[in-house]
Amino acid sequence: TSIQDKLTNYKTQVENTTNITELRALNKEITQYIKDNKEVIRDNIRMALVNLGQKVAEKAKELEAKVKVLLEVLQRTCPSQSTKITEVQGQLTQLDAHLVTLQTAVQSKDVATIKTEVKAIKDLSKSVIDNMKIIQQACLKE
C-alpha cells in the first residue's frame, strides 16, 4: 500500500479504537512504519517541492510575458507613470534572475533553494501586480 493509504488506514483505526492499549499499539505501529519509510517520505516531499517549483516558474513566466506586453502599451499611453513603469521593469529583471536560479534548483532538486526562490518569486510577483494596479488606476484618471 502507499504511504497515503497507510496513513488514512491509521486515522480510521485511531477513530475506531476503544481503549488506550489499542491506541498505543497503533501509534507504535505507525511510528515504526514512518521510521522504516522515512527516505521514501523525504523523496516524496522533495519531488512535491520540485513540482511546485516547476509550476511556480511556469506561472511567473506567464505573468512576466503579460506584464511586458502591458508595459509596452502603458509607456505610450501613460507617460506620466514612467517612474512606476521603470520600477516594474526593474522588478521583471529581478524576477527573471530568480527564475533562472529556481530552474537551476529544480534541475538539481535543491530543495532549500527551491523554497527560497519560490517565496521570492511569489513576493516579487505580488509586488509587480500591485504596481501594475497602481499604474492602471493612475492612467484611468488621466
C-alpha atoms as a PDB file:
ATOM      1  CA  THR A   1       0.000   0.000   0.000  1.00  0.00           C
ATOM      2  CA  SER A   2       1.050   3.578  -0.499  1.00  0.00           C
ATOM      3  CA  ILE A   3       2.101   5.832   2.333  1.00  0.00           C
ATOM      4  CA  GLN A   4      -1.073   7.852   1.967  1.00  0.00           C
ATOM      5  CA  ASP A   5      -3.195   4.689   2.180  1.00  0.00           C
ATOM      6  CA  LYS A   6      -1.308   3.588   5.285  1.00  0.00           C
ATOM      7  CA  LEU A   7      -1.850   6.964   6.977  1.00  0.00           C
ATOM      8  CA  THR A   8      -5.541   7.002   6.015  1.00  0.00           C
ATOM      9  CA  ASN A   9      -5.909   3.486   7.409  1.00  0.00           C
ATOM     10  CA  TYR A  10      -4.133   4.590  10.609  1.00  0.00           C
ATOM     11  CA  LYS A  11      -6.529   7.519  11.009  1.00  0.00           C
ATOM     12  CA  THR A  12      -9.536   5.225  10.596  1.00  0.00           C
ATOM     13  CA  GLN A  13      -8.138   2.741  13.094  1.00  0.00           C
ATOM     14  CA  VAL A  14      -7.459   5.507  15.629  1.00  0.00           C
ATOM     15  CA  GLU A  15     -11.035   6.744  15.268  1.00  0.00           C
ATOM     16  CA  ASN A  16     -12.287   3.201  15.905  1.00  0.00           C
ATOM     17  CA  THR A  17     -10.128   2.416  18.955  1.00  0.00           C
ATOM     18  CA  THR A  18     -11.942   1.768  22.173  1.00  0.00           C
ATOM     19  CA  ASN A  19      -9.101   1.844  24.674  1.00  0.00           C
ATOM     20  CA  ILE A  20      -5.666   3.285  25.331  1.00  0.00           C
ATOM     21  CA  THR A  21      -3.894  -0.049  24.813  1.00  0.00           C
ATOM     22  CA  GLU A  22      -5.166  -0.266  21.222  1.00  0.00           C
ATOM     23  CA  LEU A  23      -4.196   3.357  20.617  1.00  0.00           C
ATOM     24  CA  ARG A  24      -0.656   2.796  21.921  1.00  0.00           C
ATOM     25  CA  ALA A  25      -0.262  -0.246  19.688  1.00  0.00           C
ATOM     26  CA  LEU A  26      -1.446   1.712  16.661  1.00  0.00           C
ATOM     27  CA  ASN A  27       0.882   4.610  17.472  1.00  0.00           C
ATOM     28  CA  LYS A  28       3.816   2.241  17.882  1.00  0.00           C
ATOM     29  CA  GLU A  29       2.991   0.597  14.547  1.00  0.00           C
ATOM     30  CA  ILE A  30       2.685   3.879  12.617  1.00  0.00           C
ATOM     31  CA  THR A  31       5.825   5.289  14.235  1.00  0.00           C
ATOM     32  CA  GLN A  32       7.766   2.242  13.093  1.00  0.00           C
ATOM     33  CA  TYR A  33       6.231   2.486   9.628  1.00  0.00           C
ATOM     34  CA  ILE A  34       7.314   6.131   9.338  1.00  0.00           C
ATOM     35  CA  LYS A  35      10.826   5.279  10.532  1.00  0.00           C
ATOM     36  CA  ASP A  36      11.040   2.426   8.036  1.00  0.00           C
ATOM     37  CA  ASN A  37       9.833   4.640   5.200  1.00  0.00           C
ATOM     38  CA  LYS A  38      11.414   7.981   6.081  1.00  0.00           C
ATOM     39  CA  GLU A  39      13.549   8.043   2.928  1.00  0.00           C
ATOM     40  CA  VAL A  40      10.518   7.364   0.745  1.00  0.00           C
ATOM     41  CA  ILE A  41       8.613  10.102   2.576  1.00  0.00           C
ATOM     42  CA  ARG A  42      11.521  12.531   2.166  1.00  0.00           C
ATOM     43  CA  ASP A  43      11.779  11.689  -1.538  1.00  0.00           C
ATOM     44  CA  ASN A  44       8.046  12.282  -1.971  1.00  0.00           C
ATOM     45  CA  ILE A  45       8.296  15.641  -0.237  1.00  0.00           C
ATOM     46  CA  ARG A  46      11.360  16.536  -2.303  1.00  0.00           C
ATOM     47  CA  MET A  47       9.550  15.659  -5.544  1.00  0.00           C
ATOM     48  CA  ALA A  48       6.481  17.620  -4.450  1.00  0.00           C
ATOM     49  CA  LEU A  49       8.683  20.682  -3.894  1.00  0.00           C
ATOM     50  CA  VAL A  50      10.388  20.174  -7.252  1.00  0.00           C
ATOM     51  CA  ASN A  51       6.963  20.017  -8.924  1.00  0.00           C
ATOM     52  CA  LEU A  52       5.861  23.120  -7.034  1.00  0.00           C
ATOM     53  CA  GLY A  53       8.992  24.910  -8.226  1.00  0.00           C
ATOM     54  CA  GLN A  54       8.223  23.964 -11.821  1.00  0.00           C
ATOM     55  CA  LYS A  55       4.633  25.236 -11.543  1.00  0.00           C
ATOM     56  CA  VAL A  56       5.702  28.491  -9.902  1.00  0.00           C
ATOM     57  CA  ALA A  57       8.266  29.046 -12.661  1.00  0.00           C
ATOM     58  CA  GLU A  58       5.624  28.469 -15.355  1.00  0.00           C
ATOM     59  CA  LYS A  59       3.166  30.897 -13.735  1.00  0.00           C
ATOM     60  CA  ALA A  60       5.871  33.514 -13.184  1.00  0.00           C
ATOM     61  CA  LYS A  61       6.889  33.302 -16.853  1.00  0.00           C
ATOM     62  CA  GLU A  62       3.258  33.811 -17.878  1.00  0.00           C
ATOM     63  CA  LEU A  63       2.985  36.835 -15.586  1.00  0.00           C
ATOM     64  CA  GLU A  64       6.260  38.241 -16.917  1.00  0.00           C
ATOM     65  CA  ALA A  65       5.125  37.902 -20.540  1.00  0.00           C
ATOM     66  CA  LYS A  66       1.751  39.568 -19.864  1.00  0.00           C
ATOM     67  CA  VAL A  67       3.288  42.412 -17.874  1.00  0.00           C
ATOM     68  CA  LYS A  68       5.869  43.106 -20.593  1.00  0.00           C
ATOM     69  CA  VAL A  69       3.106  43.465 -23.189  1.00  0.00           C
ATOM     70  CA  LEU A  70       1.111  45.756 -20.910  1.00  0.00           C
ATOM     71  CA  LEU A  71       4.166  47.870 -20.113  1.00  0.00           C
ATOM     72  CA  GLU A  72       4.811  48.481 -23.817  1.00  0.00           C
ATOM     73  CA  VAL A  73       1.299  49.841 -24.198  1.00  0.00           C
ATOM     74  CA  LEU A  74       1.437  51.843 -20.971  1.00  0.00           C
ATOM     75  CA  GLN A  75       4.734  53.510 -21.928  1.00  0.00           C
ATOM     76  CA  ARG A  76       2.992  55.026 -24.948  1.00  0.00           C
ATOM     77  CA  THR A  77      -0.415  55.725 -23.446  1.00  0.00           C
ATOM     78  CA  CYS A  78       0.524  56.787 -19.934  1.00  0.00           C
ATOM     79  CA  PRO A  79       3.860  58.618 -19.961  1.00  0.00           C
ATOM     80  CA  SER A  80       3.120  60.263 -16.600  1.00  0.00           C
ATOM     81  CA  GLN A  81       3.733  56.883 -14.962  1.00  0.00           C
ATOM     82  CA  SER A  82       7.213  56.410 -16.433  1.00  0.00           C
ATOM     83  CA  THR A  83       8.838  56.184 -12.993  1.00  0.00           C
ATOM     84  CA  LYS A  84       6.499  53.412 -11.858  1.00  0.00           C
ATOM     85  CA  ILE A  85       6.841  51.671 -15.218  1.00  0.00           C
ATOM     86  CA  THR A  86      10.633  51.731 -14.841  1.00  0.00           C
ATOM     87  CA  GLU A  87      10.247  50.300 -11.341  1.00  0.00           C
ATOM     88  CA  VAL A  88       8.166  47.409 -12.709  1.00  0.00           C
ATOM     89  CA  GLN A  89      10.722  46.790 -15.451  1.00  0.00           C
ATOM     90  CA  GLY A  90      13.385  46.520 -12.746  1.00  0.00           C
ATOM     91  CA  GLN A  91      11.190  44.077 -10.858  1.00  0.00           C
ATOM     92  CA  LEU A  92      10.839  41.984 -14.017  1.00  0.00           C
ATOM     93  CA  THR A  93      14.632  41.862 -14.298  1.00  0.00           C
ATOM     94  CA  GLN A  94      14.785  40.644 -10.683  1.00  0.00           C
ATOM     95  CA  LEU A  95      12.016  38.133 -11.394  1.00  0.00           C
ATOM     96  CA  ASP A  96      13.940  36.799 -14.359  1.00  0.00           C
ATOM     97  CA  ALA A  97      17.051  36.318 -12.207  1.00  0.00           C
ATOM     98  CA  HIS A  98      15.018  34.436  -9.595  1.00  0.00           C
ATOM     99  CA  LEU A  99      13.513  32.273 -12.341  1.00  0.00           C
ATOM    100  CA  VAL A 100      16.962  31.285 -13.587  1.00  0.00           C
ATOM    101  CA  THR A 101      18.015  30.349 -10.050  1.00  0.00           C
ATOM    102  CA  LEU A 102      14.760  28.443  -9.493  1.00  0.00           C
ATOM    103  CA  GLN A 103      15.115  26.496 -12.731  1.00  0.00           C
ATOM    104  CA  THR A 104      18.658  25.501 -11.793  1.00  0.00           C
ATOM    105  CA  ALA A 105      17.463  24.428  -8.349  1.00  0.00           C
ATOM    106  CA  VAL A 106      14.615  22.396  -9.873  1.00  0.00           C
ATOM    107  CA  GLN A 107      17.018  20.603 -12.210  1.00  0.00           C
ATOM    108  CA  SER A 108      19.374  19.748  -9.351  1.00  0.00           C
ATOM    109  CA  LYS A 109      16.489  19.069  -6.923  1.00  0.00           C
ATOM    110  CA  ASP A 110      17.968  21.584  -4.456  1.00  0.00           C
ATOM    111  CA  VAL A 111      15.002  21.787  -2.077  1.00  0.00           C
ATOM    112  CA  ALA A 112      16.371  24.590   0.114  1.00  0.00           C
ATOM    113  CA  THR A 113      16.956  26.866  -2.887  1.00  0.00           C
ATOM    114  CA  ILE A 114      13.572  25.929  -4.387  1.00  0.00           C
ATOM    115  CA  LYS A 115      11.843  27.033  -1.163  1.00  0.00           C
ATOM    116  CA  THR A 116      13.782  30.300  -1.062  1.00  0.00           C
ATOM    117  CA  GLU A 117      13.221  31.124  -4.725  1.00  0.00           C
ATOM    118  CA  VAL A 118       9.523  30.188  -4.695  1.00  0.00           C
ATOM    119  CA  LYS A 119       8.969  32.604  -1.805  1.00  0.00           C
ATOM    120  CA  ALA A 120      10.990  35.354  -3.511  1.00  0.00           C
ATOM    121  CA  ILE A 121       9.100  34.866  -6.784  1.00  0.00           C
ATOM    122  CA  LYS A 122       5.715  34.896  -5.042  1.00  0.00           C
ATOM    123  CA  ASP A 123       6.572  38.089  -3.145  1.00  0.00           C
ATOM    124  CA  LEU A 124       8.002  39.791  -6.212  1.00  0.00           C
ATOM    125  CA  SER A 125       5.064  38.726  -8.388  1.00  0.00           C
ATOM    126  CA  LYS A 126       2.628  40.194  -5.862  1.00  0.00           C
ATOM    127  CA  SER A 127       4.575  43.439  -5.860  1.00  0.00           C
ATOM    128  CA  VAL A 128       4.577  43.558  -9.675  1.00  0.00           C
ATOM    129  CA  ILE A 129       0.810  43.026  -9.732  1.00  0.00           C
ATOM    130  CA  ASP A 130       0.276  45.712  -7.079  1.00  0.00           C
ATOM    131  CA  ASN A 131       2.418  48.181  -9.046  1.00  0.00           C
ATOM    132  CA  MET A 132       0.575  47.382 -12.264  1.00  0.00           C
ATOM    133  CA  LYS A 133      -2.724  48.140 -10.495  1.00  0.00           C
ATOM    134  CA  ILE A 134      -1.313  51.488  -9.318  1.00  0.00           C
ATOM    135  CA  ILE A 135      -0.218  52.347 -12.860  1.00  0.00           C
ATOM    136  CA  GLN A 136      -3.570  51.283 -14.280  1.00  0.00           C
ATOM    137  CA  GLN A 137      -5.530  53.371 -11.769  1.00  0.00           C
ATOM    138  CA  ALA A 138      -3.355  56.419 -12.427  1.00  0.00           C
ATOM    139  CA  CYS A 139      -3.749  56.022 -16.184  1.00  0.00           C
ATOM    140  CA  LEU A 140      -7.514  55.726 -15.946  1.00  0.00           C
ATOM    141  CA  LYS A 141      -7.631  59.090 -14.155  1.00  0.00           C
ATOM    142  CA  GLU A 142      -5.743  60.857 -16.961  1.00  0.00           C
END
